[in-house]
């Protein structure tokens, strides 16, 4: 599953949990599935971050500056 499809699935789960009345057992199951997808997305983003740092170092950025895409700006 791609990162984009994981995010879409996670958004769908959140939408269902927020808008649909459901039995507690079903809500817990969806929550658990959502947490798993969130963890997988976090892992992907961390791996991408490390790759950006490595590529930056290869291009002469010896500091290996950490880039947080949520803060904006350039890496």
PDB file of N, CA and C in Angstrom:
ATOM      1  N   UNK A   1       0.848  -1.174   0.000  1.00  0.00           N
ATOM      2  CA  UNK A   1       0.000   0.000   0.000  1.00  0.00           C
ATOM      3  C   UNK A   1       0.898   1.243   0.000  1.00  0.00           C
ATOM      4  N   UNK A   2       0.572   2.213  -0.824  1.00  0.00           N
ATOM      5  CA  UNK A   2       1.380   3.431  -0.901  1.00  0.00           C
ATOM      6  C   UNK A   2       1.072   4.357   0.268  1.00  0.00           C
ATOM      7  N   UNK A   3       1.956   5.323   0.481  1.00  0.00           N
ATOM      8  CA  UNK A   3       1.750   6.303   1.540  1.00  0.00           C
ATOM      9  C   UNK A   3       0.428   7.045   1.325  1.00  0.00           C
ATOM     10  N   UNK A   4       0.181   7.460   0.097  1.00  0.00           N
ATOM     11  CA  UNK A   4      -1.053   8.203  -0.209  1.00  0.00           C
ATOM     12  C   UNK A   4      -2.301   7.376   0.093  1.00  0.00           C
ATOM     13  N   UNK A   5      -2.266   6.110  -0.264  1.00  0.00           N
ATOM     14  CA  UNK A   5      -3.439   5.271   0.002  1.00  0.00           C
ATOM     15  C   UNK A   5      -3.595   5.006   1.502  1.00  0.00           C
ATOM     16  N   UNK A   6      -2.479   4.926   2.222  1.00  0.00           N
ATOM     17  CA  UNK A   6      -2.549   4.762   3.685  1.00  0.00           C
ATOM     18  C   UNK A   6      -3.197   5.989   4.325  1.00  0.00           C
ATOM     19  N   UNK A   7      -2.787   7.180   3.859  1.00  0.00           N
ATOM     20  CA  UNK A   7      -3.360   8.419   4.400  1.00  0.00           C
ATOM     21  C   UNK A   7      -4.853   8.494   4.092  1.00  0.00           C
ATOM     22  N   UNK A   8      -5.225   8.150   2.868  1.00  0.00           N
ATOM     23  CA  UNK A   8      -6.642   8.163   2.493  1.00  0.00           C
ATOM     24  C   UNK A   8      -7.445   7.195   3.360  1.00  0.00           C
ATOM     25  N   UNK A   9      -6.912   6.009   3.592  1.00  0.00           N
ATOM     26  CA  UNK A   9      -7.594   5.026   4.431  1.00  0.00           C
ATOM     27  C   UNK A   9      -7.721   5.543   5.860  1.00  0.00           C
ATOM     28  N   UNK A  10      -6.673   6.181   6.350  1.00  0.00           N
ATOM     29  CA  UNK A  10      -6.701   6.736   7.708  1.00  0.00           C
ATOM     30  C   UNK A  10      -7.749   7.852   7.804  1.00  0.00           C
ATOM     31  N   UNK A  11      -7.808   8.709   6.799  1.00  0.00           N
ATOM     32  CA  UNK A  11      -8.810   9.780   6.788  1.00  0.00           C
ATOM     33  C   UNK A  11     -10.219   9.205   6.761  1.00  0.00           C
ATOM     34  N   UNK A  12     -10.415   8.136   6.019  1.00  0.00           N
ATOM     35  CA  UNK A  12     -11.720   7.492   5.946  1.00  0.00           C
ATOM     36  C   UNK A  12     -12.129   6.931   7.311  1.00  0.00           C
ATOM     37  N   UNK A  13     -11.165   6.323   7.997  1.00  0.00           N
ATOM     38  CA  UNK A  13     -11.438   5.780   9.334  1.00  0.00           C
ATOM     39  C   UNK A  13     -11.824   6.899  10.294  1.00  0.00           C
ATOM     40  N   UNK A  14     -11.077   7.986  10.264  1.00  0.00           N
ATOM     41  CA  UNK A  14     -11.368   9.119  11.153  1.00  0.00           C
ATOM     42  C   UNK A  14     -12.758   9.664  10.867  1.00  0.00           C
ATOM     43  N   UNK A  15     -13.077   9.815   9.587  1.00  0.00           N
ATOM     44  CA  UNK A  15     -14.394  10.331   9.208  1.00  0.00           C
ATOM     45  C   UNK A  15     -15.505   9.432   9.735  1.00  0.00           C
ATOM     46  N   UNK A  16     -15.317   8.116   9.581  1.00  0.00           N
ATOM     47  CA  UNK A  16     -16.327   7.174  10.079  1.00  0.00           C
ATOM     48  C   UNK A  16     -16.473   7.260  11.586  1.00  0.00           C
ATOM     49  N   UNK A  17     -15.349   7.316  12.282  1.00  0.00           N
ATOM     50  CA  UNK A  17     -15.407   7.387  13.747  1.00  0.00           C
ATOM     51  C   UNK A  17     -16.081   8.672  14.221  1.00  0.00           C
ATOM     52  N   UNK A  18     -15.873   9.751  13.490  1.00  0.00           N
ATOM     53  CA  UNK A  18     -16.439  11.032  13.902  1.00  0.00           C
ATOM     54  C   UNK A  18     -17.908  11.186  13.533  1.00  0.00           C
ATOM     55  N   UNK A  19     -18.348  10.506  12.474  1.00  0.00           N
ATOM     56  CA  UNK A  19     -19.688  10.799  11.966  1.00  0.00           C
ATOM     57  C   UNK A  19     -20.708   9.675  12.089  1.00  0.00           C
ATOM     58  N   UNK A  20     -20.271   8.457  12.236  1.00  0.00           N
ATOM     59  CA  UNK A  20     -21.208   7.342  12.247  1.00  0.00           C
ATOM     60  C   UNK A  20     -21.380   6.761  13.648  1.00  0.00           C
ATOM     61  N   UNK A  21     -22.625   6.673  14.107  1.00  0.00           N
ATOM     62  CA  UNK A  21     -22.830   5.942  15.353  1.00  0.00           C
ATOM     63  C   UNK A  21     -22.563   4.452  15.102  1.00  0.00           C
ATOM     64  N   UNK A  22     -21.869   3.829  16.024  1.00  0.00           N
ATOM     65  CA  UNK A  22     -21.548   2.412  15.853  1.00  0.00           C
ATOM     66  C   UNK A  22     -21.332   1.786  17.225  1.00  0.00           C
ATOM     67  N   UNK A  23     -21.425   0.468  17.279  1.00  0.00           N
ATOM     68  CA  UNK A  23     -21.162  -0.221  18.543  1.00  0.00           C
ATOM     69  C   UNK A  23     -19.711   0.018  18.980  1.00  0.00           C
ATOM     70  N   UNK A  24     -19.506  -0.012  20.274  1.00  0.00           N
ATOM     71  CA  UNK A  24     -18.181   0.226  20.838  1.00  0.00           C
ATOM     72  C   UNK A  24     -17.143  -0.727  20.257  1.00  0.00           C
ATOM     73  N   UNK A  25     -17.500  -1.990  20.086  1.00  0.00           N
ATOM     74  CA  UNK A  25     -16.558  -2.968  19.563  1.00  0.00           C
ATOM     75  C   UNK A  25     -16.072  -2.582  18.167  1.00  0.00           C
ATOM     76  N   UNK A  26     -17.000  -2.110  17.323  1.00  0.00           N
ATOM     77  CA  UNK A  26     -16.631  -1.703  15.969  1.00  0.00           C
ATOM     78  C   UNK A  26     -15.751  -0.452  16.001  1.00  0.00           C
ATOM     79  N   UNK A  27     -16.102   0.480  16.886  1.00  0.00           N
ATOM     80  CA  UNK A  27     -15.306   1.702  17.017  1.00  0.00           C
ATOM     81  C   UNK A  27     -13.886   1.377  17.485  1.00  0.00           C
ATOM     82  N   UNK A  28     -13.766   0.459  18.424  1.00  0.00           N
ATOM     83  CA  UNK A  28     -12.435   0.069  18.904  1.00  0.00           C
ATOM     84  C   UNK A  28     -11.625  -0.612  17.806  1.00  0.00           C
ATOM     85  N   UNK A  29     -12.293  -1.427  17.018  1.00  0.00           N
ATOM     86  CA  UNK A  29     -11.613  -2.099  15.916  1.00  0.00           C
ATOM     87  C   UNK A  29     -11.118  -1.084  14.881  1.00  0.00           C
ATOM     88  N   UNK A  30     -11.961  -0.109  14.543  1.00  0.00           N
ATOM     89  CA  UNK A  30     -11.553   0.930  13.604  1.00  0.00           C
ATOM     90  C   UNK A  30     -10.417   1.776  14.173  1.00  0.00           C
ATOM     91  N   UNK A  31     -10.519   2.090  15.455  1.00  0.00           N
ATOM     92  CA  UNK A  31      -9.465   2.867  16.107  1.00  0.00           C
ATOM     93  C   UNK A  31      -8.129   2.129  16.038  1.00  0.00           C
ATOM     94  N   UNK A  32      -8.177   0.844  16.321  1.00  0.00           N
ATOM     95  CA  UNK A  32      -6.960   0.026  16.273  1.00  0.00           C
ATOM     96  C   UNK A  32      -6.376   0.001  14.860  1.00  0.00           C
ATOM     97  N   UNK A  33      -7.238  -0.152  13.863  1.00  0.00           N
ATOM     98  CA  UNK A  33      -6.788  -0.148  12.468  1.00  0.00           C
ATOM     99  C   UNK A  33      -6.177   1.215  12.112  1.00  0.00           C
ATOM    100  N   UNK A  34      -6.818   2.282  12.577  1.00  0.00           N
ATOM    101  CA  UNK A  34      -6.306   3.624  12.324  1.00  0.00           C
ATOM    102  C   UNK A  34      -4.948   3.854  12.969  1.00  0.00           C
ATOM    103  N   UNK A  35      -4.769   3.373  14.174  1.00  0.00           N
ATOM    104  CA  UNK A  35      -3.477   3.520  14.857  1.00  0.00           C
ATOM    105  C   UNK A  35      -2.382   2.764  14.107  1.00  0.00           C
ATOM    106  N   UNK A  36      -2.717   1.599  13.575  1.00  0.00           N
ATOM    107  CA  UNK A  36      -1.736   0.824  12.803  1.00  0.00           C
ATOM    108  C   UNK A  36      -1.339   1.587  11.542  1.00  0.00           C
ATOM    109  N   UNK A  37      -2.326   2.138  10.839  1.00  0.00           N
ATOM    110  CA  UNK A  37      -2.037   2.901   9.626  1.00  0.00           C
ATOM    111  C   UNK A  37      -1.230   4.154   9.955  1.00  0.00           C
ATOM    112  N   UNK A  38      -1.558   4.828  11.051  1.00  0.00           N
ATOM    113  CA  UNK A  38      -0.815   6.022  11.454  1.00  0.00           C
ATOM    114  C   UNK A  38       0.642   5.665  11.752  1.00  0.00           C
ATOM    115  N   UNK A  39       0.854   4.539  12.399  1.00  0.00           N
ATOM    116  CA  UNK A  39       2.215   4.092  12.697  1.00  0.00           C
ATOM    117  C   UNK A  39       2.990   3.794  11.416  1.00  0.00           C
ATOM    118  N   UNK A  40       2.330   3.144  10.460  1.00  0.00           N
ATOM    119  CA  UNK A  40       2.972   2.846   9.184  1.00  0.00           C
ATOM    120  C   UNK A  40       3.326   4.129   8.433  1.00  0.00           C
ATOM    121  N   UNK A  41       2.432   5.123   8.477  1.00  0.00           N
ATOM    122  CA  UNK A  41       2.705   6.416   7.828  1.00  0.00           C
ATOM    123  C   UNK A  41       3.872   7.119   8.509  1.00  0.00           C
ATOM    124  N   UNK A  42       3.902   7.087   9.822  1.00  0.00           N
ATOM    125  CA  UNK A  42       4.993   7.710  10.585  1.00  0.00           C
ATOM    126  C   UNK A  42       6.329   7.050  10.237  1.00  0.00           C
ATOM    127  N   UNK A  43       6.332   5.729  10.112  1.00  0.00           N
ATOM    128  CA  UNK A  43       7.548   5.002   9.735  1.00  0.00           C
ATOM    129  C   UNK A  43       8.010   5.410   8.346  1.00  0.00           C
ATOM    130  N   UNK A  44       7.067   5.496   7.410  1.00  0.00           N
ATOM    131  CA  UNK A  44       7.408   5.909   6.047  1.00  0.00           C
ATOM    132  C   UNK A  44       8.021   7.305   6.045  1.00  0.00           C
ATOM    133  N   UNK A  45       7.395   8.242   6.778  1.00  0.00           N
ATOM    134  CA  UNK A  45       7.897   9.609   6.820  1.00  0.00           C
ATOM    135  C   UNK A  45       9.285   9.682   7.453  1.00  0.00           C
ATOM    136  N   UNK A  46       9.523   8.892   8.468  1.00  0.00           N
ATOM    137  CA  UNK A  46      10.846   8.881   9.105  1.00  0.00           C
ATOM    138  C   UNK A  46      11.897   8.345   8.139  1.00  0.00           C
ATOM    139  N   UNK A  47      11.542   7.311   7.396  1.00  0.00           N
ATOM    140  CA  UNK A  47      12.477   6.762   6.400  1.00  0.00           C
ATOM    141  C   UNK A  47      12.750   7.781   5.294  1.00  0.00           C
ATOM    142  N   UNK A  48      11.720   8.490   4.868  1.00  0.00           N
ATOM    143  CA  UNK A  48      11.894   9.517   3.844  1.00  0.00           C
ATOM    144  C   UNK A  48      12.783  10.641   4.376  1.00  0.00           C
ATOM    145  N   UNK A  49      12.585  11.016   5.620  1.00  0.00           N
ATOM    146  CA  UNK A  49      13.399  12.050   6.256  1.00  0.00           C
ATOM    147  C   UNK A  49      14.870  11.648   6.276  1.00  0.00           C
ATOM    148  N   UNK A  50      15.133  10.418   6.661  1.00  0.00           N
ATOM    149  CA  UNK A  50      16.510   9.929   6.701  1.00  0.00           C
ATOM    150  C   UNK A  50      17.124   9.910   5.298  1.00  0.00           C
ATOM    151  N   UNK A  51      16.330   9.543   4.312  1.00  0.00           N
ATOM    152  CA  UNK A  51      16.827   9.514   2.936  1.00  0.00           C
ATOM    153  C   UNK A  51      17.180  10.934   2.483  1.00  0.00           C
ATOM    154  N   UNK A  52      16.342  11.902   2.821  1.00  0.00           N
ATOM    155  CA  UNK A  52      16.625  13.299   2.465  1.00  0.00           C
ATOM    156  C   UNK A  52      17.927  13.757   3.108  1.00  0.00           C
ATOM    157  N   UNK A  53      18.133  13.402   4.362  1.00  0.00           N
ATOM    158  CA  UNK A  53      19.373  13.781   5.048  1.00  0.00           C
ATOM    159  C   UNK A  53      20.571  13.141   4.356  1.00  0.00           C
ATOM    160  N   UNK A  54      20.471  11.855   4.026  1.00  0.00           N
ATOM    161  CA  UNK A  54      21.578  11.176   3.350  1.00  0.00           C
ATOM    162  C   UNK A  54      21.872  11.793   1.990  1.00  0.00           C
ATOM    163  N   UNK A  55      20.830  12.069   1.234  1.00  0.00           N
ATOM    164  CA  UNK A  55      21.028  12.672  -0.086  1.00  0.00           C
ATOM    165  C   UNK A  55      21.618  14.073   0.032  1.00  0.00           C
ATOM    166  N   UNK A  56      21.204  14.816   1.050  1.00  0.00           N
ATOM    167  CA  UNK A  56      21.747  16.151   1.271  1.00  0.00           C
ATOM    168  C   UNK A  56      23.227  16.068   1.601  1.00  0.00           C
ATOM    169  N   UNK A  57      23.599  15.087   2.413  1.00  0.00           N
ATOM    170  CA  UNK A  57      25.008  14.907   2.766  1.00  0.00           C
ATOM    171  C   UNK A  57      25.829  14.568   1.532  1.00  0.00           C
ATOM    172  N   UNK A  58      25.262  13.754   0.633  1.00  0.00           N
ATOM    173  CA  UNK A  58      25.968  13.390  -0.591  1.00  0.00           C
ATOM    174  C   UNK A  58      26.181  14.597  -1.496  1.00  0.00           C
ATOM    175  N   UNK A  59      25.287  15.564  -1.414  1.00  0.00           N
ATOM    176  CA  UNK A  59      25.376  16.754  -2.257  1.00  0.00           C
ATOM    177  C   UNK A  59      26.218  17.850  -1.610  1.00  0.00           C
ATOM    178  N   UNK A  60      26.907  17.547  -0.537  1.00  0.00           N
ATOM    179  CA  UNK A  60      27.812  18.503   0.076  1.00  0.00           C
ATOM    180  C   UNK A  60      27.269  19.202   1.303  1.00  0.00           C
ATOM    181  N   UNK A  61      26.075  18.887   1.719  1.00  0.00           N
ATOM    182  CA  UNK A  61      25.527  19.461   2.946  1.00  0.00           C
ATOM    183  C   UNK A  61      26.049  18.615   4.100  1.00  0.00           C
ATOM    184  N   UNK A  62      27.275  18.904   4.522  1.00  0.00           N
ATOM    185  CA  UNK A  62      27.930  18.062   5.521  1.00  0.00           C
ATOM    186  C   UNK A  62      27.255  18.131   6.887  1.00  0.00           C
ATOM    187  N   UNK A  63      26.429  19.149   7.105  1.00  0.00           N
ATOM    188  CA  UNK A  63      25.736  19.250   8.390  1.00  0.00           C
ATOM    189  C   UNK A  63      24.583  18.258   8.476  1.00  0.00           C
ATOM    190  N   UNK A  64      24.075  17.818   7.332  1.00  0.00           N
ATOM    191  CA  UNK A  64      22.928  16.909   7.348  1.00  0.00           C
ATOM    192  C   UNK A  64      21.757  17.539   8.060  1.00  0.00           C
ATOM    193  N   UNK A  65      21.406  18.751   7.643  1.00  0.00           N
ATOM    194  CA  UNK A  65      20.345  19.504   8.311  1.00  0.00           C
ATOM    195  C   UNK A  65      19.048  18.706   8.351  1.00  0.00           C
ATOM    196  N   UNK A  66      18.391  18.755   9.470  1.00  0.00           N
ATOM    197  CA  UNK A  66      17.110  18.084   9.637  1.00  0.00           C
ATOM    198  C   UNK A  66      16.044  18.989   9.023  1.00  0.00           C
ATOM    199  N   UNK A  67      15.170  18.404   8.212  1.00  0.00           N
ATOM    200  CA  UNK A  67      14.093  19.147   7.573  1.00  0.00           C
ATOM    201  C   UNK A  67      12.774  18.619   8.084  1.00  0.00           C
ATOM    202  N   UNK A  68      11.947  19.508   8.602  1.00  0.00           N
ATOM    203  CA  UNK A  68      10.616  19.135   9.045  1.00  0.00           C
ATOM    204  C   UNK A  68       9.626  19.702   8.039  1.00  0.00           C
ATOM    205  N   UNK A  69       9.009  18.852   7.196  1.00  0.00           N
ATOM    206  CA  UNK A  69       8.117  19.343   6.162  1.00  0.00           C
ATOM    207  C   UNK A  69       6.891  20.054   6.720  1.00  0.00           C
ATOM    208  N   UNK A  70       6.549  19.813   7.968  1.00  0.00           N
ATOM    209  CA  UNK A  70       5.396  20.467   8.569  1.00  0.00           C
ATOM    210  C   UNK A  70       5.685  21.914   8.931  1.00  0.00           C
ATOM    211  N   UNK A  71       6.954  22.270   9.033  1.00  0.00           N
ATOM    212  CA  UNK A  71       7.331  23.642   9.372  1.00  0.00           C
ATOM    213  C   UNK A  71       7.461  24.502   8.134  1.00  0.00           C
ATOM    214  N   UNK A  72       7.451  23.907   6.955  1.00  0.00           N
ATOM    215  CA  UNK A  72       7.623  24.661   5.712  1.00  0.00           C
ATOM    216  C   UNK A  72       9.077  24.946   5.468  1.00  0.00           C
ATOM    217  N   UNK A  73       9.333  25.747   4.456  1.00  0.00           N
ATOM    218  CA  UNK A  73      10.712  26.083   4.127  1.00  0.00           C
ATOM    219  C   UNK A  73      11.369  24.997   3.308  1.00  0.00           C
ATOM    220  N   UNK A  74      12.587  25.249   2.935  1.00  0.00           N
ATOM    221  CA  UNK A  74      13.348  24.318   2.099  1.00  0.00           C
ATOM    222  C   UNK A  74      14.174  23.381   2.972  1.00  0.00           C
ATOM    223  N   UNK A  75      14.451  22.179   2.475  1.00  0.00           N
ATOM    224  CA  UNK A  75      15.294  21.248   3.227  1.00  0.00           C
ATOM    225  C   UNK A  75      16.736  21.715   3.272  1.00  0.00           C
TER     226      UNK A  75
END
